[in-house]
Amino acid sequence: MFKCKKLKYTCRAVIDGEMTIYNAAELKRKLAAVLEDARGLEIHLGQVTEIDSAGIQLLMLTKKAREARQLATSLVEYSEEVLAALNTMGLVPYFGEPAAVTRA
């Protein structure tokens, strides 16, 4: 499930459930709606129950697309599954998220 709440200075996207190849296309479509929003994008991952390489690629695509437009993106509220995947793939430095570094 994907919910996005547009606040004054931030778009808060909450992903709940799986981020896998089985729902990556749907999540990509939903994230595309906020890729060009000038507000900062917070992607809340605390409710992610499963993530695979397709889910990680979606996060990387989102970060890269927004950086190309000089728009802020941050990952917040990591689930243990997300942290494990980022650590296993050696991607904590790529995302540069302090929460992942301290919780890992």
Protein backbone atom coordinates (compact mmCIF):
# COMPACT_ATOMS: atom_id res chain seq x y z
CA MET A 1 0.00 0.00 0.00
CA PHE A 2 1.19 3.51 -0.81
CA LYS A 3 -0.10 6.71 0.74
CA CYS A 4 1.17 10.18 -0.04
CA LYS A 5 0.31 13.22 2.00
CA LYS A 6 1.30 16.59 0.58
CA LEU A 7 2.22 19.00 3.35
CA LYS A 8 3.34 22.61 3.04
CA TYR A 9 7.05 21.84 2.51
CA THR A 10 7.10 18.05 2.24
CA CYS A 11 5.49 15.16 0.44
CA ARG A 12 5.27 12.28 2.91
CA ALA A 13 5.05 8.93 1.14
CA VAL A 14 4.36 5.90 3.33
CA ILE A 15 4.93 2.43 1.92
CA ASP A 16 3.23 -0.37 3.80
CA GLY A 17 3.76 -4.03 2.93
CA GLU A 18 5.96 -5.52 0.23
CA MET A 19 8.38 -3.74 -2.08
CA THR A 20 9.06 -6.62 -4.42
CA ILE A 21 9.06 -7.41 -8.10
CA TYR A 22 5.38 -8.33 -7.75
CA ASN A 23 4.28 -4.76 -6.98
CA ALA A 24 7.24 -2.68 -8.26
CA ALA A 25 5.40 -1.45 -11.36
CA GLU A 26 2.46 -0.22 -9.29
CA LEU A 27 4.75 1.49 -6.75
CA LYS A 28 6.76 3.08 -9.57
CA ARG A 29 3.58 4.52 -11.04
CA LYS A 30 2.53 5.94 -7.69
CA LEU A 31 5.96 7.40 -6.94
CA ALA A 32 6.09 8.97 -10.41
CA ALA A 33 3.27 11.26 -9.31
CA VAL A 34 5.58 12.97 -6.80
CA LEU A 35 8.93 12.80 -8.63
CA GLU A 36 8.75 16.38 -9.88
CA ASP A 37 7.04 17.92 -6.86
CA ALA A 38 9.21 20.81 -5.64
CA ARG A 39 8.64 19.91 -1.99
CA GLY A 40 11.04 17.59 -0.21
CA LEU A 41 10.08 13.94 -0.46
CA GLU A 42 10.14 11.73 2.63
CA ILE A 43 9.73 8.03 1.95
CA HIS A 44 8.68 6.24 5.12
CA LEU A 45 9.82 2.61 5.09
CA GLY A 46 9.00 1.51 8.64
CA GLN A 47 6.04 -0.62 7.54
CA VAL A 48 7.84 -2.42 4.69
CA THR A 49 7.52 -6.15 5.40
CA GLU A 50 9.61 -7.45 2.49
CA ILE A 51 11.98 -5.85 -0.01
CA ASP A 52 13.95 -7.35 -2.87
CA SER A 53 16.27 -5.95 -5.52
CA ALA A 54 13.31 -4.54 -7.48
CA GLY A 55 12.24 -2.54 -4.42
CA ILE A 56 15.80 -1.30 -3.86
CA GLN A 57 16.05 -0.32 -7.54
CA LEU A 58 12.84 1.67 -7.19
CA LEU A 59 14.31 3.60 -4.26
CA MET A 60 17.50 4.22 -6.26
CA LEU A 61 15.52 5.38 -9.30
CA THR A 62 13.48 7.77 -7.19
CA LYS A 63 16.57 9.23 -5.52
CA LYS A 64 18.44 9.62 -8.83
CA ALA A 65 15.48 11.19 -10.66
CA ARG A 66 14.90 13.74 -7.92
CA GLU A 67 18.60 14.54 -7.55
CA ALA A 68 18.74 15.27 -11.30
CA ARG A 69 16.12 17.96 -10.64
CA GLN A 70 17.92 19.10 -7.46
CA LEU A 71 14.98 18.02 -5.30
CA ALA A 72 15.44 16.65 -1.78
CA THR A 73 14.61 13.02 -1.02
CA SER A 74 15.07 11.18 2.25
CA LEU A 75 14.31 7.69 3.47
CA VAL A 76 12.95 7.52 7.01
CA GLU A 77 11.60 5.01 9.54
CA TYR A 78 13.39 1.93 8.24
CA SER A 79 12.01 -1.53 8.90
CA GLU A 80 14.50 -4.26 9.82
CA GLU A 81 13.91 -5.81 6.39
CA VAL A 82 14.91 -2.61 4.60
CA LEU A 83 17.99 -2.15 6.77
CA ALA A 84 19.06 -5.74 6.18
CA ALA A 85 18.68 -5.35 2.40
CA LEU A 86 20.60 -2.06 2.31
CA ASN A 87 23.40 -3.54 4.40
CA THR A 88 23.54 -6.78 2.40
CA MET A 89 23.78 -4.85 -0.86
CA GLY A 90 26.28 -2.35 0.55
CA LEU A 91 23.96 0.57 -0.21
CA VAL A 92 23.90 2.39 3.12
CA PRO A 93 26.57 4.85 1.86
CA TYR A 94 24.65 5.40 -1.39
CA PHE A 95 21.57 6.55 0.45
CA GLY A 96 23.64 8.37 3.08
CA GLU A 97 20.99 7.98 5.71
CA PRO A 98 22.12 8.40 9.31
CA ALA A 99 19.31 6.20 10.63
CA ALA A 100 20.56 3.25 8.60
CA VAL A 101 24.13 3.75 9.75
CA THR A 102 23.25 3.94 13.44
CA ARG A 103 20.70 1.10 13.41
CA ALA A 104 22.71 -1.24 11.20
